[in-house]
Amino acid sequence: MIIHLQYRLWVGDGSVAQVKEYQARLDVLEEKVKAKKERNEALYAEIEDLRKGQEAIEERARDELGMIKEKETFFQVIEEK
């Protein structure tokens, strides 16, 4: 009986090695879920900004598309290292 229990503990279903493998898989999945939650929070914040008004839209147009307003002067600063 003891030999059978020892066998199941080290080799069989629910063994120590299998539990460690499942824990490693769980850790990887938890990290993925955490990254997805952070991404979702950033997207929700961006959605809220876009819903709030024109400033967010103007900011995106400036940053991503390089647009400027009419009668506005654009200065580009180039830094040398």
PDB file of N, CA and C in Angstrom:
ATOM      1  N   MET A   1       0.823  -1.195   0.000  1.00  0.00           N
ATOM      2  CA  MET A   1       0.000   0.000   0.000  1.00  0.00           C
ATOM      3  C   MET A   1       0.864   1.255   0.000  1.00  0.00           C
ATOM      4  N   ILE A   2       1.904   1.262   0.815  1.00  0.00           N
ATOM      5  CA  ILE A   2       2.796   2.420   0.890  1.00  0.00           C
ATOM      6  C   ILE A   2       3.498   2.621  -0.447  1.00  0.00           C
ATOM      7  N   ILE A   3       3.910   1.535  -1.079  1.00  0.00           N
ATOM      8  CA  ILE A   3       4.584   1.636  -2.380  1.00  0.00           C
ATOM      9  C   ILE A   3       3.632   2.228  -3.402  1.00  0.00           C
ATOM     10  N   HIS A   4       2.396   1.819  -3.383  1.00  0.00           N
ATOM     11  CA  HIS A   4       1.406   2.354  -4.317  1.00  0.00           C
ATOM     12  C   HIS A   4       1.204   3.858  -4.089  1.00  0.00           C
ATOM     13  N   LEU A   5       1.099   4.279  -2.847  1.00  0.00           N
ATOM     14  CA  LEU A   5       0.923   5.697  -2.539  1.00  0.00           C
ATOM     15  C   LEU A   5       2.158   6.514  -2.936  1.00  0.00           C
ATOM     16  N   GLN A   6       3.337   5.969  -2.708  1.00  0.00           N
ATOM     17  CA  GLN A   6       4.571   6.648  -3.105  1.00  0.00           C
ATOM     18  C   GLN A   6       4.642   6.791  -4.629  1.00  0.00           C
ATOM     19  N   TYR A   7       4.241   5.749  -5.314  1.00  0.00           N
ATOM     20  CA  TYR A   7       4.229   5.796  -6.781  1.00  0.00           C
ATOM     21  C   TYR A   7       3.308   6.907  -7.269  1.00  0.00           C
ATOM     22  N   ARG A   8       2.093   6.970  -6.706  1.00  0.00           N
ATOM     23  CA  ARG A   8       1.148   8.021  -7.127  1.00  0.00           C
ATOM     24  C   ARG A   8       1.665   9.404  -6.770  1.00  0.00           C
ATOM     25  N   LEU A   9       2.357   9.520  -5.648  1.00  0.00           N
ATOM     26  CA  LEU A   9       2.879  10.815  -5.224  1.00  0.00           C
ATOM     27  C   LEU A   9       3.940  11.332  -6.190  1.00  0.00           C
ATOM     28  N   TRP A  10       4.800  10.457  -6.687  1.00  0.00           N
ATOM     29  CA  TRP A  10       5.922  10.896  -7.513  1.00  0.00           C
ATOM     30  C   TRP A  10       5.698  10.733  -9.012  1.00  0.00           C
ATOM     31  N   VAL A  11       4.862   9.778  -9.436  1.00  0.00           N
ATOM     32  CA  VAL A  11       4.738   9.487 -10.861  1.00  0.00           C
ATOM     33  C   VAL A  11       3.300   9.569 -11.360  1.00  0.00           C
ATOM     34  N   GLY A  12       2.345   9.160 -10.581  1.00  0.00           N
ATOM     35  CA  GLY A  12       0.976   9.005 -11.058  1.00  0.00           C
ATOM     36  C   GLY A  12       0.232  10.317 -11.257  1.00  0.00           C
ATOM     37  N   ASP A  13      -1.059  10.174 -11.476  1.00  0.00           N
ATOM     38  CA  ASP A  13      -1.933  11.320 -11.686  1.00  0.00           C
ATOM     39  C   ASP A  13      -1.972  12.167 -10.414  1.00  0.00           C
ATOM     40  N   GLY A  14      -1.735  13.472 -10.547  1.00  0.00           N
ATOM     41  CA  GLY A  14      -1.700  14.365  -9.398  1.00  0.00           C
ATOM     42  C   GLY A  14      -0.371  14.331  -8.675  1.00  0.00           C
ATOM     43  N   SER A  15       0.670  13.896  -9.363  1.00  0.00           N
ATOM     44  CA  SER A  15       1.988  13.796  -8.740  1.00  0.00           C
ATOM     45  C   SER A  15       2.576  15.178  -8.494  1.00  0.00           C
ATOM     46  N   VAL A  16       3.661  15.209  -7.755  1.00  0.00           N
ATOM     47  CA  VAL A  16       4.347  16.457  -7.441  1.00  0.00           C
ATOM     48  C   VAL A  16       4.792  17.152  -8.732  1.00  0.00           C
ATOM     49  N   ALA A  17       5.342  16.397  -9.667  1.00  0.00           N
ATOM     50  CA  ALA A  17       5.805  16.983 -10.924  1.00  0.00           C
ATOM     51  C   ALA A  17       4.642  17.566 -11.714  1.00  0.00           C
ATOM     52  N   GLN A  18       3.532  16.870 -11.735  1.00  0.00           N
ATOM     53  CA  GLN A  18       2.369  17.356 -12.471  1.00  0.00           C
ATOM     54  C   GLN A  18       1.802  18.624 -11.825  1.00  0.00           C
ATOM     55  N   VAL A  19       1.795  18.670 -10.522  1.00  0.00           N
ATOM     56  CA  VAL A  19       1.310  19.861  -9.824  1.00  0.00           C
ATOM     57  C   VAL A  19       2.210  21.052 -10.132  1.00  0.00           C
ATOM     58  N   LYS A  20       3.524  20.836 -10.158  1.00  0.00           N
ATOM     59  CA  LYS A  20       4.453  21.918 -10.498  1.00  0.00           C
ATOM     60  C   LYS A  20       4.240  22.394 -11.935  1.00  0.00           C
ATOM     61  N   GLU A  21       4.006  21.472 -12.843  1.00  0.00           N
ATOM     62  CA  GLU A  21       3.753  21.837 -14.237  1.00  0.00           C
ATOM     63  C   GLU A  21       2.476  22.662 -14.351  1.00  0.00           C
ATOM     64  N   TYR A  22       1.434  22.242 -13.660  1.00  0.00           N
ATOM     65  CA  TYR A  22       0.179  22.989 -13.690  1.00  0.00           C
ATOM     66  C   TYR A  22       0.353  24.377 -13.071  1.00  0.00           C
ATOM     67  N   GLN A  23       1.145  24.468 -12.014  1.00  0.00           N
ATOM     68  CA  GLN A  23       1.378  25.762 -11.383  1.00  0.00           C
ATOM     69  C   GLN A  23       2.136  26.688 -12.326  1.00  0.00           C
ATOM     70  N   ALA A  24       3.111  26.145 -13.063  1.00  0.00           N
ATOM     71  CA  ALA A  24       3.853  26.951 -14.036  1.00  0.00           C
ATOM     72  C   ALA A  24       2.928  27.451 -15.139  1.00  0.00           C
ATOM     73  N   ARG A  25       2.049  26.588 -15.629  1.00  0.00           N
ATOM     74  CA  ARG A  25       1.077  27.002 -16.648  1.00  0.00           C
ATOM     75  C   ARG A  25       0.159  28.094 -16.115  1.00  0.00           C
ATOM     76  N   LEU A  26      -0.282  27.924 -14.874  1.00  0.00           N
ATOM     77  CA  LEU A  26      -1.159  28.904 -14.246  1.00  0.00           C
ATOM     78  C   LEU A  26      -0.457  30.259 -14.110  1.00  0.00           C
ATOM     79  N   ASP A  27       0.815  30.242 -13.731  1.00  0.00           N
ATOM     80  CA  ASP A  27       1.580  31.479 -13.603  1.00  0.00           C
ATOM     81  C   ASP A  27       1.678  32.208 -14.937  1.00  0.00           C
ATOM     82  N   VAL A  28       1.930  31.461 -16.012  1.00  0.00           N
ATOM     83  CA  VAL A  28       2.015  32.056 -17.346  1.00  0.00           C
ATOM     84  C   VAL A  28       0.673  32.664 -17.736  1.00  0.00           C
ATOM     85  N   LEU A  29      -0.396  31.939 -17.498  1.00  0.00           N
ATOM     86  CA  LEU A  29      -1.731  32.445 -17.836  1.00  0.00           C
ATOM     87  C   LEU A  29      -2.092  33.682 -17.018  1.00  0.00           C
ATOM     88  N   GLU A  30      -1.706  33.704 -15.741  1.00  0.00           N
ATOM     89  CA  GLU A  30      -1.984  34.866 -14.908  1.00  0.00           C
ATOM     90  C   GLU A  30      -1.243  36.096 -15.425  1.00  0.00           C
ATOM     91  N   GLU A  31      -0.007  35.925 -15.889  1.00  0.00           N
ATOM     92  CA  GLU A  31       0.749  37.037 -16.462  1.00  0.00           C
ATOM     93  C   GLU A  31       0.081  37.554 -17.731  1.00  0.00           C
ATOM     94  N   LYS A  32      -0.391  36.632 -18.566  1.00  0.00           N
ATOM     95  CA  LYS A  32      -1.085  37.041 -19.790  1.00  0.00           C
ATOM     96  C   LYS A  32      -2.354  37.811 -19.467  1.00  0.00           C
ATOM     97  N   VAL A  33      -3.103  37.332 -18.488  1.00  0.00           N
ATOM     98  CA  VAL A  33      -4.335  37.998 -18.091  1.00  0.00           C
ATOM     99  C   VAL A  33      -4.020  39.396 -17.556  1.00  0.00           C
ATOM    100  N   LYS A  34      -2.977  39.505 -16.768  1.00  0.00           N
ATOM    101  CA  LYS A  34      -2.582  40.809 -16.219  1.00  0.00           C
ATOM    102  C   LYS A  34      -2.235  41.781 -17.343  1.00  0.00           C
ATOM    103  N   ALA A  35      -1.477  41.319 -18.332  1.00  0.00           N
ATOM    104  CA  ALA A  35      -1.105  42.177 -19.463  1.00  0.00           C
ATOM    105  C   ALA A  35      -2.341  42.598 -20.248  1.00  0.00           C
ATOM    106  N   LYS A  36      -3.266  41.681 -20.460  1.00  0.00           N
ATOM    107  CA  LYS A  36      -4.496  42.001 -21.189  1.00  0.00           C
ATOM    108  C   LYS A  36      -5.347  43.007 -20.408  1.00  0.00           C
ATOM    109  N   LYS A  37      -5.412  42.848 -19.088  1.00  0.00           N
ATOM    110  CA  LYS A  37      -6.179  43.790 -18.279  1.00  0.00           C
ATOM    111  C   LYS A  37      -5.578  45.189 -18.355  1.00  0.00           C
ATOM    112  N   GLU A  38      -4.252  45.283 -18.298  1.00  0.00           N
ATOM    113  CA  GLU A  38      -3.600  46.586 -18.398  1.00  0.00           C
ATOM    114  C   GLU A  38      -3.867  47.217 -19.756  1.00  0.00           C
ATOM    115  N   ARG A  39      -3.827  46.414 -20.804  1.00  0.00           N
ATOM    116  CA  ARG A  39      -4.103  46.919 -22.150  1.00  0.00           C
ATOM    117  C   ARG A  39      -5.546  47.402 -22.255  1.00  0.00           C
ATOM    118  N   ASN A  40      -6.474  46.615 -21.696  1.00  0.00           N
ATOM    119  CA  ASN A  40      -7.880  47.008 -21.720  1.00  0.00           C
ATOM    120  C   ASN A  40      -8.113  48.309 -20.954  1.00  0.00           C
ATOM    121  N   GLU A  41      -7.463  48.453 -19.802  1.00  0.00           N
ATOM    122  CA  GLU A  41      -7.609  49.682 -19.024  1.00  0.00           C
ATOM    123  C   GLU A  41      -7.102  50.883 -19.813  1.00  0.00           C
ATOM    124  N   ALA A  42      -5.986  50.719 -20.514  1.00  0.00           N
ATOM    125  CA  ALA A  42      -5.459  51.812 -21.328  1.00  0.00           C
ATOM    126  C   ALA A  42      -6.427  52.156 -22.462  1.00  0.00           C
ATOM    127  N   LEU A  43      -7.001  51.141 -23.080  1.00  0.00           N
ATOM    128  CA  LEU A  43      -7.966  51.388 -24.154  1.00  0.00           C
ATOM    129  C   LEU A  43      -9.228  52.063 -23.626  1.00  0.00           C
ATOM    130  N   TYR A  44      -9.716  51.634 -22.465  1.00  0.00           N
ATOM    131  CA  TYR A  44     -10.897  52.275 -21.885  1.00  0.00           C
ATOM    132  C   TYR A  44     -10.605  53.733 -21.545  1.00  0.00           C
ATOM    133  N   ALA A  45      -9.410  54.009 -21.032  1.00  0.00           N
ATOM    134  CA  ALA A  45      -9.039  55.393 -20.728  1.00  0.00           C
ATOM    135  C   ALA A  45      -8.998  56.226 -22.002  1.00  0.00           C
ATOM    136  N   GLU A  46      -8.472  55.654 -23.066  1.00  0.00           N
ATOM    137  CA  GLU A  46      -8.421  56.369 -24.345  1.00  0.00           C
ATOM    138  C   GLU A  46      -9.833  56.624 -24.880  1.00  0.00           C
ATOM    139  N   ILE A  47     -10.712  55.653 -24.741  1.00  0.00           N
ATOM    140  CA  ILE A  47     -12.094  55.822 -25.172  1.00  0.00           C
ATOM    141  C   ILE A  47     -12.760  56.959 -24.403  1.00  0.00           C
ATOM    142  N   GLU A  48     -12.539  56.989 -23.097  1.00  0.00           N
ATOM    143  CA  GLU A  48     -13.102  58.066 -22.279  1.00  0.00           C
ATOM    144  C   GLU A  48     -12.577  59.420 -22.723  1.00  0.00           C
ATOM    145  N   ASP A  49     -11.271  59.497 -23.002  1.00  0.00           N
ATOM    146  CA  ASP A  49     -10.689  60.755 -23.473  1.00  0.00           C
ATOM    147  C   ASP A  49     -11.341  61.197 -24.776  1.00  0.00           C
ATOM    148  N   LEU A  50     -11.545  60.249 -25.679  1.00  0.00           N
ATOM    149  CA  LEU A  50     -12.151  60.592 -26.963  1.00  0.00           C
ATOM    150  C   LEU A  50     -13.613  61.012 -26.805  1.00  0.00           C
ATOM    151  N   ARG A  51     -14.288  60.441 -25.855  1.00  0.00           N
ATOM    152  CA  ARG A  51     -15.686  60.808 -25.625  1.00  0.00           C
ATOM    153  C   ARG A  51     -15.808  62.190 -24.994  1.00  0.00           C
ATOM    154  N   LYS A  52     -14.794  62.596 -24.234  1.00  0.00           N
ATOM    155  CA  LYS A  52     -14.883  63.842 -23.485  1.00  0.00           C
ATOM    156  C   LYS A  52     -14.842  65.074 -24.367  1.00  0.00           C
ATOM    157  N   GLY A  53     -14.127  64.999 -25.474  1.00  0.00           N
ATOM    158  CA  GLY A  53     -14.159  66.213 -26.253  1.00  0.00           C
ATOM    159  C   GLY A  53     -13.102  66.348 -27.309  1.00  0.00           C
ATOM    160  N   GLN A  54     -13.072  67.549 -27.806  1.00  0.00           N
ATOM    161  CA  GLN A  54     -12.252  67.904 -28.941  1.00  0.00           C
ATOM    162  C   GLN A  54     -10.758  67.868 -28.617  1.00  0.00           C
ATOM    163  N   GLU A  55     -10.375  68.161 -27.388  1.00  0.00           N
ATOM    164  CA  GLU A  55      -8.949  68.224 -27.037  1.00  0.00           C
ATOM    165  C   GLU A  55      -8.237  66.901 -27.306  1.00  0.00           C
ATOM    166  N   ALA A  56      -8.873  65.807 -26.947  1.00  0.00           N
ATOM    167  CA  ALA A  56      -8.260  64.501 -27.156  1.00  0.00           C
ATOM    168  C   ALA A  56      -8.108  64.202 -28.647  1.00  0.00           C
ATOM    169  N   ILE A  57      -9.100  64.584 -29.416  1.00  0.00           N
ATOM    170  CA  ILE A  57      -9.031  64.356 -30.866  1.00  0.00           C
ATOM    171  C   ILE A  57      -7.918  65.195 -31.474  1.00  0.00           C
ATOM    172  N   GLU A  58      -7.823  66.458 -31.041  1.00  0.00           N
ATOM    173  CA  GLU A  58      -6.753  67.324 -31.536  1.00  0.00           C
ATOM    174  C   GLU A  58      -5.385  66.772 -31.154  1.00  0.00           C
ATOM    175  N   GLU A  59      -5.252  66.289 -29.938  1.00  0.00           N
ATOM    176  CA  GLU A  59      -3.978  65.735 -29.482  1.00  0.00           C
ATOM    177  C   GLU A  59      -3.553  64.539 -30.331  1.00  0.00           C
ATOM    178  N   ARG A  60      -4.493  63.644 -30.603  1.00  0.00           N
ATOM    179  CA  ARG A  60      -4.173  62.484 -31.453  1.00  0.00           C
ATOM    180  C   ARG A  60      -3.805  62.910 -32.859  1.00  0.00           C
ATOM    181  N   ALA A  61      -4.520  63.900 -33.402  1.00  0.00           N
ATOM    182  CA  ALA A  61      -4.224  64.374 -34.751  1.00  0.00           C
ATOM    183  C   ALA A  61      -2.823  64.982 -34.804  1.00  0.00           C
ATOM    184  N   ARG A  62      -2.451  65.691 -33.771  1.00  0.00           N
ATOM    185  CA  ARG A  62      -1.121  66.294 -33.732  1.00  0.00           C
ATOM    186  C   ARG A  62      -0.029  65.228 -33.593  1.00  0.00           C
ATOM    187  N   ASP A  63      -0.206  64.347 -32.624  1.00  0.00           N
ATOM    188  CA  ASP A  63       0.834  63.356 -32.330  1.00  0.00           C
ATOM    189  C   ASP A  63       0.976  62.302 -33.422  1.00  0.00           C
ATOM    190  N   GLU A  64      -0.122  61.741 -33.859  1.00  0.00           N
ATOM    191  CA  GLU A  64      -0.061  60.600 -34.763  1.00  0.00           C
ATOM    192  C   GLU A  64      -0.054  60.994 -36.239  1.00  0.00           C
ATOM    193  N   LEU A  65      -0.705  62.107 -36.569  1.00  0.00           N
ATOM    194  CA  LEU A  65      -0.821  62.479 -37.973  1.00  0.00           C
ATOM    195  C   LEU A  65      -0.010  63.719 -38.332  1.00  0.00           C
ATOM    196  N   GLY A  66       0.558  64.386 -37.324  1.00  0.00           N
ATOM    197  CA  GLY A  66       1.371  65.564 -37.582  1.00  0.00           C
ATOM    198  C   GLY A  66       0.560  66.753 -38.072  1.00  0.00           C
ATOM    199  N   MET A  67      -0.697  66.839 -37.712  1.00  0.00           N
ATOM    200  CA  MET A  67      -1.570  67.917 -38.184  1.00  0.00           C
ATOM    201  C   MET A  67      -1.410  69.154 -37.298  1.00  0.00           C
ATOM    202  N   ILE A  68      -1.660  70.322 -37.882  1.00  0.00           N
ATOM    203  CA  ILE A  68      -1.659  71.567 -37.136  1.00  0.00           C
ATOM    204  C   ILE A  68      -2.915  72.345 -37.490  1.00  0.00           C
ATOM    205  N   LYS A  69      -3.283  73.266 -36.604  1.00  0.00           N
ATOM    206  CA  LYS A  69      -4.472  74.082 -36.846  1.00  0.00           C
ATOM    207  C   LYS A  69      -4.190  75.160 -37.884  1.00  0.00           C
ATOM    208  N   GLU A  70      -5.259  75.688 -38.426  1.00  0.00           N
ATOM    209  CA  GLU A  70      -5.156  76.796 -39.364  1.00  0.00           C
ATOM    210  C   GLU A  70      -4.626  78.023 -38.614  1.00  0.00           C
ATOM    211  N   LYS A  71      -3.740  78.768 -39.249  1.00  0.00           N
ATOM    212  CA  LYS A  71      -3.114  79.966 -38.678  1.00  0.00           C
ATOM    213  C   LYS A  71      -2.272  79.638 -37.445  1.00  0.00           C
ATOM    214  N   GLU A  72      -1.705  78.453 -37.397  1.00  0.00           N
ATOM    215  CA  GLU A  72      -0.873  78.031 -36.293  1.00  0.00           C
ATOM    216  C   GLU A  72       0.542  77.826 -36.809  1.00  0.00           C
ATOM    217  N   THR A  73       1.527  78.202 -36.033  1.00  0.00           N
ATOM    218  CA  THR A  73       2.921  78.041 -36.430  1.00  0.00           C
ATOM    219  C   THR A  73       3.473  76.787 -35.773  1.00  0.00           C
ATOM    220  N   PHE A  74       4.179  76.004 -36.561  1.00  0.00           N
ATOM    221  CA  PHE A  74       4.753  74.746 -36.081  1.00  0.00           C
ATOM    222  C   PHE A  74       6.265  74.900 -35.978  1.00  0.00           C
ATOM    223  N   PHE A  75       6.831  74.570 -34.815  1.00  0.00           N
ATOM    224  CA  PHE A  75       8.260  74.594 -34.615  1.00  0.00           C
ATOM    225  C   PHE A  75       8.719  73.185 -34.315  1.00  0.00           C
ATOM    226  N   GLN A  76       9.777  72.759 -34.992  1.00  0.00           N
ATOM    227  CA  GLN A  76      10.346  71.439 -34.747  1.00  0.00           C
ATOM    228  C   GLN A  76      11.707  71.620 -34.116  1.00  0.00           C
ATOM    229  N   VAL A  77      11.912  71.058 -32.954  1.00  0.00           N
ATOM    230  CA  VAL A  77      13.171  71.155 -32.244  1.00  0.00           C
ATOM    231  C   VAL A  77      13.962  69.882 -32.483  1.00  0.00           C
ATOM    232  N   ILE A  78      15.164  70.041 -32.994  1.00  0.00           N
ATOM    233  CA  ILE A  78      16.027  68.885 -33.252  1.00  0.00           C
ATOM    234  C   ILE A  78      17.154  68.922 -32.229  1.00  0.00           C
ATOM    235  N   GLU A  79      17.270  67.839 -31.482  1.00  0.00           N
ATOM    236  CA  GLU A  79      18.307  67.758 -30.456  1.00  0.00           C
ATOM    237  C   GLU A  79      19.454  66.893 -30.974  1.00  0.00           C
ATOM    238  N   GLU A  80      20.671  67.385 -30.797  1.00  0.00           N
ATOM    239  CA  GLU A  80      21.850  66.621 -31.183  1.00  0.00           C
ATOM    240  C   GLU A  80      22.427  65.972 -29.932  1.00  0.00           C
ATOM    241  N   LYS A  81      22.896  64.765 -30.107  1.00  0.00           N
ATOM    242  CA  LYS A  81      23.472  64.052 -28.965  1.00  0.00           C
ATOM    243  C   LYS A  81      24.957  63.963 -29.095  1.00  0.00           C
TER     244      LYS A  81
END
